[in-house]
Amino acid sequence: MTAILPGTAPASAPARHAPVSRRKRWRYLPQYLAIAPFFLLFAVFGLYPVLYSLYLALQRWDGVGPMKFIGLENFRFLLSDATFWESIGNTLVIWVMSTVPMTVLALLIALGLNSSVRFKGVLRVAYFLPNVTSIVAMSLVFGSIFSNDFGILNWVLGLVGIDHVQWLNDPWAIRSAISIMIIWRWTGYNAIIFLAGLQALPSDVFEAARIDGAGPAQTFFRITLPLLRPVLLFSVVMSAISGMQIFTESQVLLGNRGGPDGAGLTMVLYFYNTAFADNDFGYGAAIAWGIFVVVVLFSILNWRLVQRPARGSVKEAVR
């Protein structure tokens, strides 16, 4: 018989513990199998196209013939492409013209819905309905509204003695028309987001402000807005991400070239023209990566600006 020293384990102990550790690993197999379809679909339809687009950006390819490796030539040309920079400028201008009034209108609507107004449920559905409407159908309707010669808007302007506006020919009129379409679509969505944020605010802070004699304007600017800052941050960042990807409104309303002088040519529309109209898939992939960089930088900039600490605090406002 072999003696076993005190404090030592038998030699067969690791072999005895190995099946136990295997059983622990296999115990979570159903959970891994349950989430596996998402990761498989993401790898096939999400990760692979992204990586392939990066590979494609290093090639010159018309979609039919063989690819030709050109390295970083597409990206070098992208940095000096005047049309690409023009599309960035158009996108930024349209974003500013649409996001600022949209945020103000959405906040006003949310404040109205948060008060003692009747038929709140019906109004919420009515405001949110444009967001679930087909963008193509919406663009066709707005095309008839902004038509240069037979548009409904010019007909209304004629009734009050105002000359017709060339909505689809003048650069600023084109940007205004696209901005109005974006405002119509996203105001209700942001209003519902703001309404959810308003309903989550603590009521005791407003009661204390009311007792201390704070008026509606002071309560709104000193208490409501600071407390609503996280919701505003989310709305602005999401508006920046979606605003940098404007496509359908310009494409349906103005065509692939963005109207006269390319006034409505956005970044995504330029990418679409290059890849699918001009059949330059290599440079189109480079434009797509350029759009990605612009969206990331612009989103970070908006996040930093909105997240800046407000002057004063809620406690000081209540005092």
Protein backbone atom coordinates (compact mmCIF):
# COMPACT_ATOMS: atom_id res chain seq x y z
CA MET A 1 0.00 0.00 0.00
CA THR A 2 1.35 3.42 -0.96
CA ALA A 3 1.37 5.95 1.82
CA ILE A 4 -0.15 9.37 1.16
CA LEU A 5 1.43 12.27 2.93
CA PRO A 6 -0.85 14.62 4.85
CA GLY A 7 -2.02 17.62 2.77
CA THR A 8 -1.38 15.92 -0.56
CA ALA A 9 -4.08 14.82 -3.05
CA PRO A 10 -4.14 11.47 -4.75
CA ALA A 11 -2.61 11.30 -8.23
CA SER A 12 -5.98 10.47 -9.75
CA ALA A 13 -7.63 13.68 -8.45
CA PRO A 14 -7.13 15.76 -11.66
CA ALA A 15 -8.64 13.01 -13.74
CA ARG A 16 -11.60 12.90 -11.41
CA HIS A 17 -12.16 16.71 -11.66
CA ALA A 18 -11.84 16.88 -15.47
CA PRO A 19 -15.32 15.44 -16.23
CA VAL A 20 -16.85 17.90 -13.75
CA SER A 21 -15.32 20.93 -15.54
CA ARG A 22 -16.48 19.55 -18.89
CA ARG A 23 -19.99 19.16 -17.53
CA LYS A 24 -19.93 22.80 -16.39
CA ARG A 25 -18.96 23.95 -19.86
CA TRP A 26 -21.62 21.86 -21.56
CA ARG A 27 -24.22 23.11 -19.09
CA TYR A 28 -24.34 26.50 -20.89
CA LEU A 29 -24.60 24.97 -24.35
CA PRO A 30 -28.39 25.66 -24.71
CA GLN A 31 -27.82 29.36 -23.96
CA TYR A 32 -25.02 29.58 -26.53
CA LEU A 33 -27.17 27.81 -29.11
CA ALA A 34 -30.04 30.21 -28.39
CA ILE A 35 -27.96 33.31 -29.21
CA ALA A 36 -25.93 31.70 -32.00
CA PRO A 37 -28.38 32.59 -34.85
CA PHE A 38 -27.94 36.31 -34.19
CA PHE A 39 -24.15 36.12 -34.35
CA LEU A 40 -24.25 33.91 -37.43
CA LEU A 41 -26.58 36.31 -39.25
CA PHE A 42 -24.52 39.29 -38.11
CA ALA A 43 -21.32 37.65 -39.35
CA VAL A 44 -22.84 36.89 -42.77
CA PHE A 45 -24.91 40.03 -43.38
CA GLY A 46 -23.08 42.56 -41.18
CA LEU A 47 -19.44 41.83 -40.49
CA TYR A 48 -18.56 40.22 -43.83
CA PRO A 49 -19.94 43.10 -46.00
CA VAL A 50 -18.06 45.63 -43.87
CA LEU A 51 -14.76 43.81 -44.19
CA TYR A 52 -15.35 43.12 -47.89
CA SER A 53 -16.08 46.81 -48.52
CA LEU A 54 -12.70 47.66 -47.01
CA TYR A 55 -11.06 45.13 -49.32
CA LEU A 56 -13.06 46.52 -52.24
CA ALA A 57 -11.91 50.05 -51.45
CA LEU A 58 -8.36 48.94 -52.29
CA GLN A 59 -9.41 47.77 -55.76
CA ARG A 60 -10.55 49.25 -59.06
CA TRP A 61 -13.61 47.27 -60.18
CA ASP A 62 -16.58 47.95 -62.43
CA GLY A 63 -18.64 45.06 -61.04
CA VAL A 64 -18.11 42.80 -64.06
CA GLY A 65 -14.46 42.41 -64.99
CA PRO A 66 -11.51 41.36 -62.85
CA MET A 67 -10.44 43.49 -59.90
CA LYS A 68 -7.22 45.48 -60.01
CA PHE A 69 -5.40 46.20 -56.77
CA ILE A 70 -4.49 49.89 -56.47
CA GLY A 71 -3.79 50.19 -52.74
CA LEU A 72 -4.79 53.48 -51.12
CA GLU A 73 -5.28 55.31 -54.43
CA ASN A 74 -9.07 55.56 -53.94
CA PHE A 75 -8.63 57.16 -50.53
CA ARG A 76 -6.02 59.61 -51.86
CA PHE A 77 -8.39 60.69 -54.60
CA LEU A 78 -11.24 60.93 -52.06
CA LEU A 79 -9.36 63.55 -50.03
CA SER A 80 -9.02 65.78 -53.12
CA ASP A 81 -12.47 65.06 -54.57
CA ALA A 82 -14.31 68.40 -54.71
CA THR A 83 -17.67 66.72 -55.28
CA PHE A 84 -17.29 64.64 -52.12
CA TRP A 85 -16.51 67.73 -50.04
CA GLU A 86 -19.45 69.51 -51.65
CA SER A 87 -21.72 66.62 -50.67
CA ILE A 88 -20.45 66.90 -47.09
CA GLY A 89 -21.27 70.63 -47.09
CA ASN A 90 -24.77 70.01 -48.48
CA THR A 91 -25.41 67.32 -45.88
CA LEU A 92 -24.27 69.53 -43.01
CA VAL A 93 -26.39 72.47 -44.18
CA ILE A 94 -29.48 70.30 -44.54
CA TRP A 95 -28.81 68.76 -41.12
CA VAL A 96 -28.66 72.18 -39.45
CA MET A 97 -31.73 73.47 -41.29
CA SER A 98 -33.74 70.42 -40.24
CA THR A 99 -32.43 69.43 -36.80
CA VAL A 100 -32.66 72.80 -35.03
CA PRO A 101 -36.34 73.54 -35.81
CA MET A 102 -37.21 69.84 -35.48
CA THR A 103 -35.77 69.68 -31.95
CA VAL A 104 -37.58 72.86 -30.88
CA LEU A 105 -40.91 71.69 -32.34
CA ALA A 106 -40.54 68.23 -30.82
CA LEU A 107 -39.83 69.71 -27.39
CA LEU A 108 -42.85 72.02 -27.61
CA ILE A 109 -45.09 69.14 -28.67
CA ALA A 110 -43.76 66.99 -25.82
CA LEU A 111 -44.45 69.77 -23.31
CA GLY A 112 -47.98 70.08 -24.66
CA LEU A 113 -48.60 66.34 -24.49
CA ASN A 114 -47.19 66.26 -20.96
CA SER A 115 -49.75 68.80 -19.79
CA SER A 116 -53.43 68.20 -19.13
CA VAL A 117 -54.43 68.03 -22.79
CA ARG A 118 -57.24 65.76 -23.95
CA PHE A 119 -56.92 62.84 -26.38
CA LYS A 120 -53.24 62.29 -25.59
CA GLY A 121 -53.24 58.78 -27.04
CA VAL A 122 -54.70 59.89 -30.36
CA LEU A 123 -52.27 62.80 -30.59
CA ARG A 124 -49.28 60.54 -29.88
CA VAL A 125 -50.29 58.20 -32.70
CA ALA A 126 -50.91 61.13 -35.05
CA TYR A 127 -47.51 62.69 -34.35
CA PHE A 128 -45.67 59.36 -34.65
CA LEU A 129 -47.45 58.29 -37.86
CA PRO A 130 -45.11 60.17 -40.29
CA ASN A 131 -42.15 58.19 -38.94
CA VAL A 132 -43.65 54.85 -40.02
CA THR A 133 -44.83 56.14 -43.40
CA SER A 134 -42.93 54.97 -46.48
CA ILE A 135 -40.15 57.43 -47.29
CA VAL A 136 -40.63 56.93 -51.03
CA ALA A 137 -44.37 57.62 -50.79
CA MET A 138 -43.67 60.66 -48.62
CA SER A 139 -41.11 61.96 -51.13
CA LEU A 140 -43.57 61.57 -54.01
CA VAL A 141 -46.21 63.52 -52.10
CA PHE A 142 -43.77 66.29 -51.25
CA GLY A 143 -42.68 66.31 -54.89
CA SER A 144 -46.20 67.33 -55.86
CA ILE A 145 -46.21 69.94 -53.12
CA PHE A 146 -42.89 71.54 -54.15
CA SER A 147 -43.33 71.26 -57.91
CA ASN A 148 -42.07 74.38 -59.68
CA ASP A 149 -45.07 74.98 -61.94
CA PHE A 150 -48.01 72.98 -60.59
CA GLY A 151 -47.07 72.50 -56.94
CA ILE A 152 -49.62 72.93 -54.19
CA LEU A 153 -47.33 75.24 -52.24
CA ASN A 154 -46.85 77.62 -55.19
CA TRP A 155 -50.61 77.59 -55.74
CA VAL A 156 -51.14 78.68 -52.12
CA LEU A 157 -48.47 81.38 -52.49
CA GLY A 158 -50.25 82.61 -55.63
CA LEU A 159 -53.50 83.02 -53.69
CA VAL A 160 -51.84 85.54 -51.38
CA GLY A 161 -50.06 87.37 -54.22
CA ILE A 162 -46.57 85.89 -53.80
CA ASP A 163 -44.62 84.90 -56.91
CA HIS A 164 -43.89 81.23 -57.53
CA VAL A 165 -40.74 79.85 -55.91
CA GLN A 166 -38.53 77.54 -57.95
CA TRP A 167 -38.33 74.98 -55.17
CA LEU A 168 -36.52 72.37 -57.26
CA ASN A 169 -34.18 74.74 -59.11
CA ASP A 170 -32.85 77.20 -56.54
CA PRO A 171 -30.09 75.73 -54.31
CA TRP A 172 -31.42 77.09 -51.01
CA ALA A 173 -35.00 76.27 -51.94
CA ILE A 174 -33.91 72.68 -52.65
CA ARG A 175 -32.23 72.41 -49.25
CA SER A 176 -35.27 73.95 -47.59
CA ALA A 177 -37.60 71.45 -49.26
CA ILE A 178 -35.48 68.50 -48.13
CA SER A 179 -35.27 69.95 -44.62
CA ILE A 180 -39.04 70.33 -44.42
CA MET A 181 -39.45 66.69 -45.41
CA ILE A 182 -37.05 65.61 -42.67
CA ILE A 183 -38.80 67.82 -40.10
CA TRP A 184 -42.19 66.37 -41.05
CA ARG A 185 -40.92 62.83 -40.66
CA TRP A 186 -38.86 63.01 -37.45
CA THR A 187 -40.58 65.65 -35.29
CA GLY A 188 -43.17 63.23 -33.92
CA TYR A 189 -40.57 60.56 -33.20
CA ASN A 190 -38.43 62.96 -31.16
CA ALA A 191 -41.53 64.36 -29.45
CA ILE A 192 -42.37 60.89 -28.14
CA ILE A 193 -38.78 60.48 -26.92
CA PHE A 194 -38.92 63.85 -25.14
CA LEU A 195 -42.31 63.01 -23.67
CA ALA A 196 -40.93 59.82 -22.16
CA GLY A 197 -38.08 61.84 -20.66
CA LEU A 198 -40.43 64.46 -19.24
CA GLN A 199 -42.62 61.85 -17.61
CA ALA A 200 -39.55 60.31 -15.92
CA LEU A 201 -38.48 63.57 -14.25
CA PRO A 202 -38.95 63.74 -10.45
CA SER A 203 -42.03 65.77 -9.52
CA ASP A 204 -40.71 66.85 -6.12
CA VAL A 205 -38.14 69.15 -7.76
CA PHE A 206 -40.88 71.00 -9.65
CA GLU A 207 -43.00 71.22 -6.52
CA ALA A 208 -40.08 72.77 -4.64
CA ALA A 209 -39.48 75.26 -7.46
CA ARG A 210 -43.17 76.18 -7.52
CA ILE A 211 -43.19 76.74 -3.76
CA ASP A 212 -40.10 78.95 -3.99
CA GLY A 213 -41.85 81.11 -6.57
CA ALA A 214 -40.13 79.99 -9.79
CA GLY A 215 -42.06 80.95 -12.89
CA PRO A 216 -42.73 78.72 -15.93
CA ALA A 217 -39.77 80.13 -17.88
CA GLN A 218 -37.37 79.71 -14.95
CA THR A 219 -38.64 76.19 -14.31
CA PHE A 220 -38.18 75.23 -17.94
CA PHE A 221 -34.69 76.67 -18.51
CA ARG A 222 -33.23 76.03 -15.05
CA ILE A 223 -34.79 72.67 -14.16
CA THR A 224 -36.51 70.92 -17.07
CA LEU A 225 -33.74 71.36 -19.65
CA PRO A 226 -30.85 70.36 -17.32
CA LEU A 227 -32.72 67.28 -16.15
CA LEU A 228 -33.65 66.46 -19.74
CA ARG A 229 -30.04 66.69 -20.93
CA PRO A 230 -29.51 62.89 -21.36
CA VAL A 231 -32.60 62.66 -23.55
CA LEU A 232 -31.49 65.69 -25.57
CA LEU A 233 -28.07 64.10 -25.96
CA PHE A 234 -29.63 60.91 -27.31
CA SER A 235 -31.87 62.85 -29.70
CA VAL A 236 -29.08 65.06 -31.06
CA VAL A 237 -26.64 62.17 -31.54
CA MET A 238 -29.26 60.02 -33.28
CA SER A 239 -30.26 63.01 -35.43
CA ALA A 240 -26.61 63.49 -36.37
CA ILE A 241 -26.24 59.83 -37.36
CA SER A 242 -29.45 59.77 -39.41
CA GLY A 243 -28.92 63.28 -40.80
CA MET A 244 -25.53 62.34 -42.23
CA GLN A 245 -27.21 59.48 -44.13
CA ILE A 246 -29.91 61.43 -46.00
CA PHE A 247 -30.62 59.66 -49.27
CA THR A 248 -34.20 58.84 -50.21
CA GLU A 249 -35.54 62.38 -49.87
CA SER A 250 -32.94 63.77 -52.28
CA GLN A 251 -32.98 60.83 -54.67
CA VAL A 252 -36.76 60.68 -55.16
CA LEU A 253 -37.31 64.44 -55.14
CA LEU A 254 -34.34 65.52 -57.28
CA GLY A 255 -32.93 62.44 -59.03
CA ASN A 256 -29.52 60.80 -58.78
CA ARG A 257 -27.52 64.00 -59.34
CA GLY A 258 -29.15 66.00 -56.56
CA GLY A 259 -30.85 68.62 -58.70
CA PRO A 260 -29.34 71.66 -60.45
CA ASP A 261 -25.72 72.35 -59.47
CA GLY A 262 -25.88 69.38 -57.11
CA ALA A 263 -27.52 71.48 -54.39
CA GLY A 264 -29.27 68.40 -52.98
CA LEU A 265 -26.37 65.99 -53.47
CA THR A 266 -25.77 64.35 -50.10
CA MET A 267 -22.93 62.03 -49.14
CA VAL A 268 -24.97 58.84 -49.43
CA LEU A 269 -26.49 59.96 -52.74
CA TYR A 270 -22.98 60.60 -54.07
CA PHE A 271 -21.94 57.14 -52.94
CA TYR A 272 -24.98 55.64 -54.68
CA ASN A 273 -24.21 57.47 -57.94
CA THR A 274 -20.58 56.40 -57.92
CA ALA A 275 -21.16 52.74 -57.11
CA PHE A 276 -24.45 51.90 -58.82
CA ALA A 277 -24.84 54.54 -61.53
CA ASP A 278 -21.19 54.94 -62.63
CA ASN A 279 -20.28 51.30 -61.78
CA ASP A 280 -17.15 52.34 -59.88
CA PHE A 281 -17.49 49.98 -56.94
CA GLY A 282 -13.94 50.42 -55.66
CA TYR A 283 -14.21 54.19 -55.31
CA GLY A 284 -17.78 53.81 -54.06
CA ALA A 285 -16.50 51.64 -51.20
CA ALA A 286 -13.91 54.31 -50.39
CA ILE A 287 -16.70 56.92 -50.27
CA ALA A 288 -18.66 54.66 -47.92
CA TRP A 289 -15.71 54.52 -45.53
CA GLY A 290 -15.33 58.28 -45.81
CA ILE A 291 -18.99 58.66 -44.83
CA PHE A 292 -18.38 56.36 -41.87
CA VAL A 293 -15.51 58.53 -40.62
CA VAL A 294 -17.55 61.73 -41.06
CA VAL A 295 -20.54 60.27 -39.18
CA VAL A 296 -18.35 59.09 -36.29
CA LEU A 297 -16.53 62.42 -35.97
CA PHE A 298 -19.72 64.45 -36.25
CA SER A 299 -21.51 62.26 -33.69
CA ILE A 300 -18.61 62.63 -31.23
CA LEU A 301 -18.62 66.41 -31.76
CA ASN A 302 -22.36 66.64 -31.07
CA TRP A 303 -22.02 64.37 -28.06
CA ARG A 304 -19.25 66.54 -26.60
CA LEU A 305 -21.16 69.78 -27.21
CA VAL A 306 -24.45 68.59 -25.74
CA GLN A 307 -22.76 66.87 -22.79
CA ARG A 308 -21.02 70.05 -21.63
CA PRO A 309 -22.09 70.85 -18.06
CA ALA A 310 -24.83 73.41 -17.83
CA ARG A 311 -24.27 76.66 -15.97
CA GLY A 312 -25.60 76.40 -12.50
CA SER A 313 -27.32 73.38 -11.03
CA VAL A 314 -30.80 72.25 -10.25
CA LYS A 315 -30.29 73.05 -6.55
CA GLU A 316 -29.23 76.60 -7.37
CA ALA A 317 -32.25 77.00 -9.66
CA VAL A 318 -34.59 75.85 -6.90
CA ARG A 319 -33.00 78.30 -4.47
